[in-house]
């Protein structure tokens, strides 16, 4: 919902998408709930019989409408929402020249349960908001220094 909301409004100064779905179609085929969700919640709507629903409501197909800086956080072994959902949206926003970042939480599933990794995950969230909401990028830059070319 975070990604989708950013395609509808520029109200927010910053956003964070943790293990979000960027393309309903790819999630339908790969996600833990994808197929069964379509059978019930989407009233038997599938990519082949409801193309508009799958494309028009997928954030990826509306990436050009996003101007809000978005941080993508995702566990590398997420069995609920495959990590590709964050990768493809991050890639789209980078190609569009939008402010974005992507942090992978190595070895974690949909929930970040490892204590040390959860602490880093929290710091990452706070640092992202400090950068974009307070104009204080120092914490973010200390955690994720830009790589020299």
C-alpha atoms as a PDB file:
ATOM      1  CA  UNK A   1       0.000   0.000   0.000  1.00  0.00           C
ATOM      2  CA  UNK A   2       2.908   2.380   0.633  1.00  0.00           C
ATOM      3  CA  UNK A   3       4.068   2.119  -2.964  1.00  0.00           C
ATOM      4  CA  UNK A   4       0.547   2.381  -4.374  1.00  0.00           C
ATOM      5  CA  UNK A   5      -0.249   5.422  -2.234  1.00  0.00           C
ATOM      6  CA  UNK A   6       2.810   7.242  -3.571  1.00  0.00           C
ATOM      7  CA  UNK A   7       1.430   6.848  -7.119  1.00  0.00           C
ATOM      8  CA  UNK A   8      -1.681   8.763  -6.038  1.00  0.00           C
ATOM      9  CA  UNK A   9      -0.295  11.701  -4.041  1.00  0.00           C
ATOM     10  CA  UNK A  10       2.777  13.822  -3.379  1.00  0.00           C
ATOM     11  CA  UNK A  11       1.492  14.612   0.106  1.00  0.00           C
ATOM     12  CA  UNK A  12       4.278  12.725   1.893  1.00  0.00           C
ATOM     13  CA  UNK A  13       7.838  14.003   2.334  1.00  0.00           C
ATOM     14  CA  UNK A  14       9.255  10.455   2.503  1.00  0.00           C
ATOM     15  CA  UNK A  15       8.083   6.849   2.528  1.00  0.00           C
ATOM     16  CA  UNK A  16       9.320   3.383   3.433  1.00  0.00           C
ATOM     17  CA  UNK A  17       8.150   0.195   1.789  1.00  0.00           C
ATOM     18  CA  UNK A  18       9.008  -2.900   3.797  1.00  0.00           C
ATOM     19  CA  UNK A  19       8.505  -6.046   1.713  1.00  0.00           C
ATOM     20  CA  UNK A  20       5.916  -4.325  -0.438  1.00  0.00           C
ATOM     21  CA  UNK A  21       4.228  -5.599  -3.579  1.00  0.00           C
ATOM     22  CA  UNK A  22       5.075  -3.549  -6.669  1.00  0.00           C
ATOM     23  CA  UNK A  23       3.435  -5.676  -9.356  1.00  0.00           C
ATOM     24  CA  UNK A  24       0.245  -7.549  -8.560  1.00  0.00           C
ATOM     25  CA  UNK A  25       0.851  -9.794 -11.561  1.00  0.00           C
ATOM     26  CA  UNK A  26       4.281 -11.023 -10.506  1.00  0.00           C
ATOM     27  CA  UNK A  27       3.089 -11.359  -6.923  1.00  0.00           C
ATOM     28  CA  UNK A  28       0.151 -13.425  -8.180  1.00  0.00           C
ATOM     29  CA  UNK A  29       2.579 -15.898  -9.715  1.00  0.00           C
ATOM     30  CA  UNK A  30       5.265 -15.944  -7.029  1.00  0.00           C
ATOM     31  CA  UNK A  31       3.899 -14.625  -3.760  1.00  0.00           C
ATOM     32  CA  UNK A  32       2.781 -16.754  -0.847  1.00  0.00           C
ATOM     33  CA  UNK A  33      -0.787 -15.441  -0.962  1.00  0.00           C
ATOM     34  CA  UNK A  34      -0.905 -14.455  -4.631  1.00  0.00           C
ATOM     35  CA  UNK A  35      -2.929 -17.220  -6.248  1.00  0.00           C
ATOM     36  CA  UNK A  36      -5.291 -17.873  -3.349  1.00  0.00           C
ATOM     37  CA  UNK A  37      -5.807 -14.155  -2.785  1.00  0.00           C
ATOM     38  CA  UNK A  38      -6.943 -13.718  -6.384  1.00  0.00           C
ATOM     39  CA  UNK A  39      -9.439 -16.552  -6.076  1.00  0.00           C
ATOM     40  CA  UNK A  40     -11.168 -14.952  -3.080  1.00  0.00           C
ATOM     41  CA  UNK A  41     -10.435 -11.263  -2.570  1.00  0.00           C
ATOM     42  CA  UNK A  42     -10.207 -10.398  -6.248  1.00  0.00           C
ATOM     43  CA  UNK A  43     -13.423 -12.244  -7.107  1.00  0.00           C
ATOM     44  CA  UNK A  44     -11.847 -14.700  -9.528  1.00  0.00           C
ATOM     45  CA  UNK A  45      -9.911 -11.968 -11.304  1.00  0.00           C
ATOM     46  CA  UNK A  46      -6.635 -13.146 -12.789  1.00  0.00           C
ATOM     47  CA  UNK A  47      -3.967 -11.550 -14.982  1.00  0.00           C
ATOM     48  CA  UNK A  48      -5.567 -12.974 -18.127  1.00  0.00           C
ATOM     49  CA  UNK A  49      -9.145 -11.891 -17.404  1.00  0.00           C
ATOM     50  CA  UNK A  50      -8.566  -8.624 -15.522  1.00  0.00           C
ATOM     51  CA  UNK A  51      -5.562  -7.027 -17.214  1.00  0.00           C
ATOM     52  CA  UNK A  52      -6.577  -3.510 -16.218  1.00  0.00           C
ATOM     53  CA  UNK A  53      -6.889  -4.382 -12.553  1.00  0.00           C
ATOM     54  CA  UNK A  54      -3.446  -5.995 -12.517  1.00  0.00           C
ATOM     55  CA  UNK A  55      -1.677  -3.221 -14.381  1.00  0.00           C
ATOM     56  CA  UNK A  56      -3.523  -0.047 -13.424  1.00  0.00           C
ATOM     57  CA  UNK A  57      -3.394  -0.860  -9.707  1.00  0.00           C
ATOM     58  CA  UNK A  58       0.199  -2.099  -9.654  1.00  0.00           C
ATOM     59  CA  UNK A  59       2.638   0.554  -8.453  1.00  0.00           C
ATOM     60  CA  UNK A  60       5.263  -0.603 -10.962  1.00  0.00           C
ATOM     61  CA  UNK A  61       3.048   0.350 -13.899  1.00  0.00           C
ATOM     62  CA  UNK A  62       2.629   3.801 -12.339  1.00  0.00           C
ATOM     63  CA  UNK A  63       6.217   4.381 -11.223  1.00  0.00           C
ATOM     64  CA  UNK A  64       6.476   7.553 -13.281  1.00  0.00           C
ATOM     65  CA  UNK A  65       3.901   9.172 -10.995  1.00  0.00           C
ATOM     66  CA  UNK A  66       6.081   8.744  -7.894  1.00  0.00           C
ATOM     67  CA  UNK A  67       8.106  11.733  -6.692  1.00  0.00           C
ATOM     68  CA  UNK A  68       8.287  10.900  -2.973  1.00  0.00           C
ATOM     69  CA  UNK A  69      11.660   9.573  -1.788  1.00  0.00           C
ATOM     70  CA  UNK A  70      11.073   5.874  -1.056  1.00  0.00           C
ATOM     71  CA  UNK A  71      13.283   3.493   0.886  1.00  0.00           C
ATOM     72  CA  UNK A  72      12.796  -0.180   0.070  1.00  0.00           C
ATOM     73  CA  UNK A  73      13.558  -2.671   2.853  1.00  0.00           C
ATOM     74  CA  UNK A  74      13.329  -6.391   2.179  1.00  0.00           C
ATOM     75  CA  UNK A  75      14.527  -9.645   3.697  1.00  0.00           C
ATOM     76  CA  UNK A  76      16.608 -11.660   1.227  1.00  0.00           C
ATOM     77  CA  UNK A  77      14.775 -14.907   1.983  1.00  0.00           C
ATOM     78  CA  UNK A  78      11.229 -13.553   2.158  1.00  0.00           C
ATOM     79  CA  UNK A  79       8.815 -16.401   1.438  1.00  0.00           C
ATOM     80  CA  UNK A  80       5.713 -14.192   1.583  1.00  0.00           C
ATOM     81  CA  UNK A  81       6.651 -11.361  -0.786  1.00  0.00           C
ATOM     82  CA  UNK A  82       9.570 -12.265  -3.064  1.00  0.00           C
ATOM     83  CA  UNK A  83      12.432  -9.765  -2.941  1.00  0.00           C
ATOM     84  CA  UNK A  84      12.001  -9.103  -6.653  1.00  0.00           C
ATOM     85  CA  UNK A  85       8.981  -6.965  -5.773  1.00  0.00           C
ATOM     86  CA  UNK A  86      11.314  -4.411  -4.180  1.00  0.00           C
ATOM     87  CA  UNK A  87      14.094  -4.857  -6.740  1.00  0.00           C
ATOM     88  CA  UNK A  88      11.902  -4.076  -9.728  1.00  0.00           C
ATOM     89  CA  UNK A  89      10.332  -0.964  -8.186  1.00  0.00           C
ATOM     90  CA  UNK A  90      13.694   0.316  -6.937  1.00  0.00           C
ATOM     91  CA  UNK A  91      15.114  -0.199 -10.433  1.00  0.00           C
ATOM     92  CA  UNK A  92      12.196   1.655 -12.037  1.00  0.00           C
ATOM     93  CA  UNK A  93      12.607   4.644  -9.721  1.00  0.00           C
ATOM     94  CA  UNK A  94      16.372   4.739 -10.289  1.00  0.00           C
ATOM     95  CA  UNK A  95      15.798   4.747 -14.065  1.00  0.00           C
ATOM     96  CA  UNK A  96      13.325   7.599 -13.601  1.00  0.00           C
ATOM     97  CA  UNK A  97      15.890   9.547 -11.548  1.00  0.00           C
ATOM     98  CA  UNK A  98      13.731   9.557  -8.421  1.00  0.00           C
ATOM     99  CA  UNK A  99      15.228   9.657  -4.912  1.00  0.00           C
ATOM    100  CA  UNK A 100      15.265   6.097  -3.601  1.00  0.00           C
ATOM    101  CA  UNK A 101      17.341   3.531  -1.747  1.00  0.00           C
ATOM    102  CA  UNK A 102      17.184  -0.224  -1.286  1.00  0.00           C
ATOM    103  CA  UNK A 103      18.410  -2.084   1.787  1.00  0.00           C
ATOM    104  CA  UNK A 104      18.388  -5.860   1.820  1.00  0.00           C
ATOM    105  CA  UNK A 105      18.252  -7.582   5.202  1.00  0.00           C
ATOM    106  CA  UNK A 106      20.393 -10.650   4.588  1.00  0.00           C
ATOM    107  CA  UNK A 107      19.017 -13.982   5.734  1.00  0.00           C
ATOM    108  CA  UNK A 108      15.713 -12.575   6.996  1.00  0.00           C
ATOM    109  CA  UNK A 109      12.206 -13.522   5.958  1.00  0.00           C
ATOM    110  CA  UNK A 110       9.100 -11.294   5.799  1.00  0.00           C
ATOM    111  CA  UNK A 111       9.638 -10.351   9.426  1.00  0.00           C
ATOM    112  CA  UNK A 112      13.030  -9.274  10.714  1.00  0.00           C
ATOM    113  CA  UNK A 113      13.470 -11.541  13.722  1.00  0.00           C
ATOM    114  CA  UNK A 114      17.245 -11.539  14.276  1.00  0.00           C
ATOM    115  CA  UNK A 115      17.848  -9.059  17.118  1.00  0.00           C
ATOM    116  CA  UNK A 116      20.949  -7.360  15.676  1.00  0.00           C
ATOM    117  CA  UNK A 117      19.439  -7.145  12.205  1.00  0.00           C
ATOM    118  CA  UNK A 118      16.196  -5.789  13.664  1.00  0.00           C
ATOM    119  CA  UNK A 119      18.175  -3.076  15.466  1.00  0.00           C
ATOM    120  CA  UNK A 120      19.915  -2.134  12.190  1.00  0.00           C
ATOM    121  CA  UNK A 121      16.554  -2.232  10.393  1.00  0.00           C
ATOM    122  CA  UNK A 122      15.147   0.235  12.957  1.00  0.00           C
ATOM    123  CA  UNK A 123      18.184   2.523  12.673  1.00  0.00           C
ATOM    124  CA  UNK A 124      17.800   2.476   8.906  1.00  0.00           C
ATOM    125  CA  UNK A 125      14.191   3.607   9.183  1.00  0.00           C
ATOM    126  CA  UNK A 126      15.011   6.386  11.634  1.00  0.00           C
ATOM    127  CA  UNK A 127      17.978   7.573   9.565  1.00  0.00           C
ATOM    128  CA  UNK A 128      15.870   7.684   6.369  1.00  0.00           C
ATOM    129  CA  UNK A 129      13.242   9.820   8.054  1.00  0.00           C
ATOM    130  CA  UNK A 130      15.889  12.048   9.665  1.00  0.00           C
ATOM    131  CA  UNK A 131      17.322  12.646   6.193  1.00  0.00           C
ATOM    132  CA  UNK A 132      14.041  13.483   4.474  1.00  0.00           C
ATOM    133  CA  UNK A 133      11.871  14.880   7.278  1.00  0.00           C
ATOM    134  CA  UNK A 134      14.460  16.799   9.293  1.00  0.00           C
ATOM    135  CA  UNK A 135      17.005  17.601   6.607  1.00  0.00           C
ATOM    136  CA  UNK A 136      19.635  15.720   8.599  1.00  0.00           C
ATOM    137  CA  UNK A 137      21.293  13.212   6.232  1.00  0.00           C
ATOM    138  CA  UNK A 138      24.359  12.566   8.413  1.00  0.00           C
ATOM    139  CA  UNK A 139      23.018   9.427  10.114  1.00  0.00           C
ATOM    140  CA  UNK A 140      21.901   7.952   6.781  1.00  0.00           C
ATOM    141  CA  UNK A 141      25.254   8.764   5.185  1.00  0.00           C
ATOM    142  CA  UNK A 142      27.101   7.162   8.104  1.00  0.00           C
ATOM    143  CA  UNK A 143      25.066   3.963   7.729  1.00  0.00           C
ATOM    144  CA  UNK A 144      25.111   3.926   3.907  1.00  0.00           C
ATOM    145  CA  UNK A 145      27.999   5.960   2.508  1.00  0.00           C
ATOM    146  CA  UNK A 146      27.856   6.630  -1.226  1.00  0.00           C
ATOM    147  CA  UNK A 147      30.118   4.342  -3.181  1.00  0.00           C
ATOM    148  CA  UNK A 148      32.884   6.003  -5.158  1.00  0.00           C
ATOM    149  CA  UNK A 149      32.671   5.474  -8.882  1.00  0.00           C
END
